[in-house]
C-alpha atoms as a PDB file:
ATOM      1  CA  MET A   1     165.775 146.201 105.300  1.00  0.00           C
ATOM      2  CA  ILE A   2     163.565 146.476 108.396  1.00  0.00           C
ATOM      3  CA  ARG A   3     161.943 149.605 106.964  1.00  0.00           C
ATOM      4  CA  ILE A   4     161.146 147.801 103.722  1.00  0.00           C
ATOM      5  CA  VAL A   5     159.602 144.857 105.580  1.00  0.00           C
ATOM      6  CA  SER A   6     157.592 147.244 107.784  1.00  0.00           C
ATOM      7  CA  PHE A   7     156.447 149.202 104.743  1.00  0.00           C
ATOM      8  CA  LEU A   8     155.403 146.027 102.923  1.00  0.00           C
ATOM      9  CA  SER A   9     153.572 144.825 106.044  1.00  0.00           C
ATOM     10  CA  VAL A  10     151.597 148.073 106.193  1.00  0.00           C
ATOM     11  CA  LEU A  11     150.741 147.787 102.495  1.00  0.00           C
ATOM     12  CA  PHE A  12     149.608 144.203 103.017  1.00  0.00           C
ATOM     13  CA  VAL A  13     147.330 145.197 105.915  1.00  0.00           C
ATOM     14  CA  LEU A  14     145.872 148.082 103.882  1.00  0.00           C
ATOM     15  CA  ALA A  15     145.264 145.773 100.931  1.00  0.00           C
ATOM     16  CA  LEU A  16     143.431 143.309 103.162  1.00  0.00           C
ATOM     17  CA  GLY A  17     141.278 146.152 104.458  1.00  0.00           C
ATOM     18  CA  GLY A  18     139.785 146.452 100.976  1.00  0.00           C
ATOM     19  CA  CYS A  19     138.812 142.760 100.906  1.00  0.00           C
ATOM     20  CA  LYS A  20     135.558 143.011 102.756  1.00  0.00           C
ATOM     21  CA  GLU A  21     132.144 141.548 102.122  1.00  0.00           C
ATOM     22  CA  PRO A  22     130.014 143.637  99.805  1.00  0.00           C
ATOM     23  CA  PRO A  23     127.781 146.121 101.597  1.00  0.00           C
ATOM     24  CA  GLY A  24     124.679 144.584 103.009  1.00  0.00           C
ATOM     25  CA  GLN A  25     123.153 143.393 106.196  1.00  0.00           C
ATOM     26  CA  SER A  26     123.550 139.792 107.090  1.00  0.00           C
ATOM     27  CA  GLY A  27     121.939 137.397 109.433  1.00  0.00           C
ATOM     28  CA  ASP A  28     118.416 138.829 109.739  1.00  0.00           C
ATOM     29  CA  LEU A  29     116.678 135.501 109.424  1.00  0.00           C
ATOM     30  CA  SER A  30     113.385 137.073 110.506  1.00  0.00           C
ATOM     31  CA  LEU A  31     112.958 138.444 106.963  1.00  0.00           C
ATOM     32  CA  LEU A  32     112.011 135.026 105.595  1.00  0.00           C
ATOM     33  CA  ARG A  33     110.516 131.869 107.000  1.00  0.00           C
ATOM     34  CA  ALA A  34     111.537 128.514 105.618  1.00  0.00           C
ATOM     35  CA  GLY A  35     108.844 126.645 103.754  1.00  0.00           C
ATOM     36  CA  SER A  36     108.766 122.906 103.374  1.00  0.00           C
ATOM     37  CA  ASP A  37     112.038 121.295 102.275  1.00  0.00           C
ATOM     38  CA  VAL A  38     114.103 124.450 102.992  1.00  0.00           C
ATOM     39  CA  VAL A  39     116.503 125.358 105.818  1.00  0.00           C
ATOM     40  CA  ILE A  40     117.648 128.995 105.638  1.00  0.00           C
ATOM     41  CA  LYS A  41     121.299 129.546 106.589  1.00  0.00           C
ATOM     42  CA  GLY A  42     121.744 133.266 105.901  1.00  0.00           C
ATOM     43  CA  ILE A  43     120.323 136.370 104.246  1.00  0.00           C
ATOM     44  CA  GLN A  44     122.199 139.361 102.807  1.00  0.00           C
ATOM     45  CA  THR A  45     120.363 142.501 101.696  1.00  0.00           C
ATOM     46  CA  TYR A  46     121.598 144.824  98.942  1.00  0.00           C
ATOM     47  CA  GLN A  47     120.317 147.941  97.225  1.00  0.00           C
ATOM     48  CA  PRO A  48     119.932 147.351  93.461  1.00  0.00           C
ATOM     49  CA  GLN A  49     122.486 149.046  91.233  1.00  0.00           C
ATOM     50  CA  ASP A  50     119.705 150.197  88.923  1.00  0.00           C
ATOM     51  CA  ALA A  51     117.555 151.700  91.682  1.00  0.00           C
ATOM     52  CA  VAL A  52     115.870 154.919  90.679  1.00  0.00           C
ATOM     53  CA  ALA A  53     114.874 157.701  93.022  1.00  0.00           C
ATOM     54  CA  GLY A  54     111.894 156.601  95.041  1.00  0.00           C
ATOM     55  CA  SER A  55     112.423 152.888  94.421  1.00  0.00           C
ATOM     56  CA  ASN A  56     112.154 150.769  97.511  1.00  0.00           C
ATOM     57  CA  ASP A  57     113.329 147.444  96.067  1.00  0.00           C
ATOM     58  CA  VAL A  58     116.148 145.471  97.655  1.00  0.00           C
ATOM     59  CA  TRP A  59     117.898 142.217  96.841  1.00  0.00           C
ATOM     60  CA  TYR A  60     117.656 139.406  99.358  1.00  0.00           C
ATOM     61  CA  VAL A  61     120.499 137.001  98.657  1.00  0.00           C
ATOM     62  CA  VAL A  62     119.578 133.865 100.569  1.00  0.00           C
ATOM     63  CA  THR A  63     121.772 130.869 101.349  1.00  0.00           C
ATOM     64  CA  PHE A  64     119.811 127.739 102.193  1.00  0.00           C
ATOM     65  CA  THR A  65     119.683 123.968 102.013  1.00  0.00           C
ATOM     66  CA  PHE A  66     116.982 122.404  99.866  1.00  0.00           C
ATOM     67  CA  THR A  67     115.962 118.788 100.434  1.00  0.00           C
ATOM     68  CA  ASN A  68     114.072 117.112  97.614  1.00  0.00           C
ATOM     69  CA  ASN A  69     110.885 115.799  99.177  1.00  0.00           C
ATOM     70  CA  GLN A  70     108.878 116.354  95.993  1.00  0.00           C
ATOM     71  CA  GLY A  71     108.225 112.625  95.485  1.00  0.00           C
ATOM     72  CA  MET A  72     110.321 112.340  92.317  1.00  0.00           C
ATOM     73  CA  THR A  73     113.847 112.894  91.063  1.00  0.00           C
ATOM     74  CA  LEU A  74     114.284 116.602  90.455  1.00  0.00           C
ATOM     75  CA  ALA A  75     116.784 118.940  88.829  1.00  0.00           C
ATOM     76  CA  PRO A  76     115.911 122.097  90.815  1.00  0.00           C
ATOM     77  CA  ARG A  77     115.611 125.238  88.710  1.00  0.00           C
ATOM     78  CA  ILE A  78     116.661 128.462  90.415  1.00  0.00           C
ATOM     79  CA  ASN A  79     113.598 130.373  89.198  1.00  0.00           C
ATOM     80  CA  HIS A  80     111.354 127.802  90.913  1.00  0.00           C
ATOM     81  CA  PHE A  81     112.596 128.943  94.313  1.00  0.00           C
ATOM     82  CA  VAL A  82     109.975 131.463  95.375  1.00  0.00           C
ATOM     83  CA  VAL A  83     109.409 133.926  98.192  1.00  0.00           C
ATOM     84  CA  GLN A  84     105.792 134.791  98.886  1.00  0.00           C
ATOM     85  CA  ASP A  85     104.324 137.340 101.288  1.00  0.00           C
ATOM     86  CA  ASP A  86     101.078 137.159 103.262  1.00  0.00           C
ATOM     87  CA  GLN A  87      99.213 138.820 100.363  1.00  0.00           C
ATOM     88  CA  ASN A  88     100.316 136.004  98.020  1.00  0.00           C
ATOM     89  CA  ARG A  89     102.680 138.238  96.040  1.00  0.00           C
ATOM     90  CA  ARG A  90     105.407 136.005  94.659  1.00  0.00           C
ATOM     91  CA  TYR A  91     108.974 136.778  93.665  1.00  0.00           C
ATOM     92  CA  LEU A  92     110.997 134.237  91.698  1.00  0.00           C
ATOM     93  CA  GLY A  93     114.624 133.454  92.423  1.00  0.00           C
ATOM     94  CA  THR A  94     117.617 134.179  90.229  1.00  0.00           C
ATOM     95  CA  ASP A  95     121.369 133.790  90.485  1.00  0.00           C
ATOM     96  CA  SER A  96     122.413 136.315  87.830  1.00  0.00           C
ATOM     97  CA  GLY A  97     121.540 139.725  86.419  1.00  0.00           C
ATOM     98  CA  SER A  98     122.674 142.011  89.240  1.00  0.00           C
ATOM     99  CA  ALA A  99     125.936 143.111  90.800  1.00  0.00           C
ATOM    100  CA  ALA A 100     124.602 141.704  94.106  1.00  0.00           C
ATOM    101  CA  LEU A 101     124.666 138.241  92.521  1.00  0.00           C
ATOM    102  CA  VAL A 102     128.177 138.280  91.038  1.00  0.00           C
ATOM    103  CA  GLY A 103     130.098 135.131  91.888  1.00  0.00           C
ATOM    104  CA  ILE A 104     127.099 132.990  92.742  1.00  0.00           C
ATOM    105  CA  SER A 105     127.257 129.510  91.310  1.00  0.00           C
ATOM    106  CA  ASN A 106     124.688 126.855  92.138  1.00  0.00           C
ATOM    107  CA  TYR A 107     124.457 123.100  91.812  1.00  0.00           C
ATOM    108  CA  ASP A 108     122.520 122.245  88.653  1.00  0.00           C
ATOM    109  CA  GLY A 109     122.496 118.477  88.970  1.00  0.00           C
ATOM    110  CA  VAL A 110     119.742 116.044  89.817  1.00  0.00           C
ATOM    111  CA  LEU A 111     118.522 115.402  93.357  1.00  0.00           C
ATOM    112  CA  LYS A 112     116.953 112.061  94.136  1.00  0.00           C
ATOM    113  CA  VAL A 113     114.130 111.976  96.661  1.00  0.00           C
ATOM    114  CA  GLY A 114     115.594 112.715 100.084  1.00  0.00           C
ATOM    115  CA  GLU A 115     118.837 114.241  98.785  1.00  0.00           C
ATOM    116  CA  ALA A 116     119.801 117.786  99.763  1.00  0.00           C
ATOM    117  CA  HIS A 117     122.044 120.507  98.395  1.00  0.00           C
ATOM    118  CA  ASP A 118     122.991 124.075  99.308  1.00  0.00           C
ATOM    119  CA  TYR A 119     121.898 126.987  97.127  1.00  0.00           C
ATOM    120  CA  THR A 120     122.387 130.747  97.052  1.00  0.00           C
ATOM    121  CA  VAL A 121     119.544 132.578  95.328  1.00  0.00           C
ATOM    122  CA  GLY A 122     118.631 136.247  94.896  1.00  0.00           C
ATOM    123  CA  PHE A 123     115.143 137.716  95.136  1.00  0.00           C
ATOM    124  CA  ARG A 124     114.325 141.318  94.191  1.00  0.00           C
ATOM    125  CA  VAL A 125     111.635 142.315  96.658  1.00  0.00           C
ATOM    126  CA  PRO A 126     110.129 145.465  98.214  1.00  0.00           C
ATOM    127  CA  GLN A 127     112.034 146.915 101.151  1.00  0.00           C
ATOM    128  CA  ASP A 128     111.084 145.351 104.510  1.00  0.00           C
ATOM    129  CA  PHE A 129     109.642 142.331 102.697  1.00  0.00           C
ATOM    130  CA  ARG A 130     108.639 139.452 104.954  1.00  0.00           C
ATOM    131  CA  GLY A 131     107.551 136.101 103.617  1.00  0.00           C
ATOM    132  CA  VAL A 132     108.194 132.422 103.156  1.00  0.00           C
ATOM    133  CA  LEU A 133     110.786 130.701 100.916  1.00  0.00           C
ATOM    134  CA  PHE A 134     109.858 127.444  99.191  1.00  0.00           C
ATOM    135  CA  TYR A 135     110.339 125.437  96.002  1.00  0.00           C
ATOM    136  CA  ASP A 136     107.395 125.487  93.565  1.00  0.00           C
ATOM    137  CA  ASN A 137     107.435 122.612  91.107  1.00  0.00           C
ATOM    138  CA  SER A 138     104.000 123.469  89.671  1.00  0.00           C
ATOM    139  CA  PHE A 139     105.146 125.678  86.785  1.00  0.00           C
END
């Protein structure tokens, strides 16, 4: 009986060893600066599953809090979250379409002025991308 319990304990520990976060680097908040209305909580980086030889794209999966200070009630759209570099190249957010984004689910309700909500959004950007994250309600 003790052997069976020990064996099952070892199997349990081995099974838990497979339950790790997906590969990626976390916590490098220097990759993005928060624009107005955004507080960045974390960043994960992932190589795209469809990367071809020579591609230098990565996924930044960013967790942040967005506060609606847009002056009107707003139902934030994920593709209106934008990262922009110092050369004004813009990359729109998404929460689907890649293995790096599996399991992401975002609030899709309305935010009154001053209300905040947490979001997790992916951005496919060039490797070593540095920029600012903000919400663009102009398009």
